[in-house]
Protein backbone atom coordinates (compact mmCIF):
# COMPACT_ATOMS: atom_id res chain seq x y z
CA UNK A 1 139.86 78.37 142.10
CA UNK A 2 136.78 80.20 143.20
CA UNK A 3 134.31 79.94 139.87
CA UNK A 4 132.41 83.23 140.95
CA UNK A 5 135.36 85.41 140.37
CA UNK A 6 135.48 87.44 137.17
CA UNK A 7 137.30 85.93 134.27
CA UNK A 8 140.36 88.34 134.55
CA UNK A 9 140.75 87.43 138.30
CA UNK A 10 140.76 83.89 137.50
CA UNK A 11 143.44 84.63 135.11
CA UNK A 12 145.55 85.98 137.43
CA UNK A 13 145.13 83.04 139.14
CA UNK A 14 146.86 81.19 136.35
CA UNK A 15 150.11 83.32 136.78
CA UNK A 16 153.59 81.51 136.12
CA UNK A 17 151.65 78.47 134.52
CA UNK A 18 151.95 77.46 130.77
CA UNK A 19 149.18 75.52 129.13
CA UNK A 20 148.53 73.37 126.25
CA UNK A 21 145.76 74.52 123.52
CA UNK A 22 144.38 73.87 119.69
CA UNK A 23 142.68 75.30 117.30
CA UNK A 24 139.38 74.73 117.23
CA UNK A 25 137.63 76.04 114.29
CA UNK A 26 137.85 76.34 111.28
CA UNK A 27 138.21 72.57 111.58
CA UNK A 28 138.20 71.42 108.00
CA UNK A 29 141.20 73.54 106.98
CA UNK A 30 143.93 71.24 108.12
CA UNK A 31 146.42 73.74 106.15
CA UNK A 32 145.67 76.45 108.17
CA UNK A 33 148.85 78.19 109.41
CA UNK A 34 147.10 78.46 113.18
CA UNK A 35 146.62 74.64 113.14
CA UNK A 36 149.78 73.81 115.13
CA UNK A 37 150.25 72.94 118.49
CA UNK A 38 149.75 76.33 120.61
CA UNK A 39 150.87 77.10 124.53
CA UNK A 40 150.01 80.25 126.98
CA UNK A 41 151.39 81.57 129.65
CA UNK A 42 149.97 83.51 132.06
CA UNK A 43 152.49 86.73 132.74
CA UNK A 44 150.74 88.67 135.97
CA UNK A 45 152.50 92.44 135.30
CA UNK A 46 150.34 94.03 137.75
CA UNK A 47 146.33 93.74 139.42
CA UNK A 48 145.56 95.71 136.19
CA UNK A 49 147.65 93.97 133.66
CA UNK A 50 147.93 90.85 132.18
CA UNK A 51 150.25 89.20 129.55
CA UNK A 52 149.27 85.68 127.72
CA UNK A 53 152.32 85.52 125.06
CA UNK A 54 150.70 82.91 122.48
CA UNK A 55 153.11 80.63 120.74
CA UNK A 56 151.73 79.19 117.91
CA UNK A 57 154.01 75.79 116.66
CA UNK A 58 157.09 77.59 116.78
CA UNK A 59 155.88 81.25 116.28
CA UNK A 60 156.21 82.95 119.58
CA UNK A 61 155.08 86.36 117.62
CA UNK A 62 152.02 86.94 119.17
CA UNK A 63 150.87 88.23 123.08
CA UNK A 64 147.43 89.21 124.41
CA UNK A 65 147.47 91.91 126.72
CA UNK A 66 144.63 92.03 129.17
CA UNK A 67 144.24 95.57 130.88
CA UNK A 68 141.80 96.61 133.57
CA UNK A 69 140.83 100.11 132.52
CA UNK A 70 138.06 101.43 135.62
CA UNK A 71 135.52 98.77 134.84
CA UNK A 72 136.52 97.51 131.92
CA UNK A 73 138.84 95.52 130.10
CA UNK A 74 140.84 96.62 127.35
CA UNK A 75 141.96 93.16 124.92
CA UNK A 76 144.89 94.15 122.41
CA UNK A 77 147.31 91.71 119.85
CA UNK A 78 150.90 93.21 120.34
CA UNK A 79 152.62 91.12 117.16
CA UNK A 80 156.32 91.16 117.06
CA UNK A 81 159.01 90.65 114.36
CA UNK A 82 161.44 87.47 114.72
CA UNK A 83 164.04 90.37 116.08
CA UNK A 84 161.51 91.42 118.68
CA UNK A 85 160.42 94.74 116.44
CA UNK A 86 156.67 95.54 116.17
CA UNK A 87 154.78 93.50 113.60
CA UNK A 88 153.15 95.88 110.70
CA UNK A 89 149.53 94.91 111.78
CA UNK A 90 149.62 94.81 116.46
CA UNK A 91 148.13 96.59 118.71
CA UNK A 92 144.45 95.58 117.46
CA UNK A 93 141.77 94.40 119.98
CA UNK A 94 138.80 96.09 121.81
CA UNK A 95 137.14 96.71 124.91
CA UNK A 96 135.00 94.26 126.52
CA UNK A 97 131.12 95.36 126.49
CA UNK A 98 130.20 93.69 130.03
CA UNK A 99 127.28 91.58 128.18
CA UNK A 100 128.11 88.84 129.84
CA UNK A 101 129.81 89.01 133.27
CA UNK A 102 131.68 86.31 134.86
CA UNK A 103 133.36 83.53 132.64
CA UNK A 104 133.10 85.59 129.63
CA UNK A 105 135.16 89.08 128.05
CA UNK A 106 133.60 90.16 124.61
CA UNK A 107 135.79 92.31 122.95
CA UNK A 108 134.15 94.61 119.67
CA UNK A 109 136.64 96.07 117.58
CA UNK A 110 137.99 99.59 118.70
CA UNK A 111 138.69 102.33 116.51
CA UNK A 112 142.42 101.63 116.34
CA UNK A 113 141.60 98.18 115.01
CA UNK A 114 139.18 100.05 112.27
CA UNK A 115 142.13 102.58 110.90
CA UNK A 116 144.67 99.85 111.03
CA UNK A 117 143.15 96.71 109.26
CA UNK A 118 140.06 97.92 107.96
CA UNK A 119 138.20 94.27 106.91
CA UNK A 120 138.82 93.78 111.18
CA UNK A 121 136.45 96.85 111.88
CA UNK A 122 133.74 94.45 112.32
CA UNK A 123 135.80 91.97 114.64
CA UNK A 124 134.56 90.64 117.54
CA UNK A 125 136.76 88.43 120.23
CA UNK A 126 135.32 86.50 123.39
CA UNK A 127 137.51 85.09 126.21
CA UNK A 128 135.48 82.59 127.64
CA UNK A 129 135.88 79.90 130.84
CA UNK A 130 133.95 76.43 130.66
CA UNK A 131 131.77 76.07 133.38
CA UNK A 132 134.32 73.91 135.24
CA UNK A 133 137.09 76.55 135.10
CA UNK A 134 139.23 74.26 133.01
CA UNK A 135 139.20 75.33 129.54
CA UNK A 136 139.79 79.01 128.30
CA UNK A 137 138.07 79.52 124.81
CA UNK A 138 139.86 82.09 122.28
CA UNK A 139 137.05 83.24 119.94
CA UNK A 140 136.59 85.58 116.67
CA UNK A 141 133.93 86.54 114.89
CA UNK A 142 134.15 89.04 111.98
CA UNK A 143 130.72 89.96 110.15
CA UNK A 144 129.11 88.11 112.37
CA UNK A 145 130.10 84.81 111.14
CA UNK A 146 133.16 82.37 113.51
CA UNK A 147 136.31 83.24 112.04
CA UNK A 148 138.46 81.62 114.31
CA UNK A 149 138.50 79.47 117.66
CA UNK A 150 141.26 77.83 119.72
CA UNK A 151 140.85 76.32 122.96
CA UNK A 152 143.43 75.84 126.02
CA UNK A 153 143.12 73.18 129.15
CA UNK A 154 143.81 74.82 131.88
CA UNK A 155 143.95 71.71 133.92
CA UNK A 156 146.86 70.25 132.53
CA UNK A 157 149.84 72.95 133.34
CA UNK A 158 152.85 72.42 130.82
């Protein structure tokens, strides 16, 4: 896969494929509910929309939604109950800030997120590819401090 493509376009190239992942931060919390085997699948909905369901253990409630809006990318987190209805905390995220181009997108929390979950008003999410394109990093910080990171091995399709 060409490494000069922006991350969004590289992810589209993985459409229909699934990959394993794991929580890599915080490493000192073995009982963290996110510290379970993870799996993502990249689903291309259109040229401007990608859905990435995230499975954590047996929990299928999370989906990352990436949407191209003009020259930006919007990240939203769609959370659902077991019956498929929207969770109370859903549709949070933000628009990338273009601080880094190419292999990384950075998403500060938007106004909808701040209203939905005030402590998350300082959240910043990022999606980043390793230089070789084989690892996808999902990272979250709050109040300028690392809060969570997961990595996904894109070199080994499930």
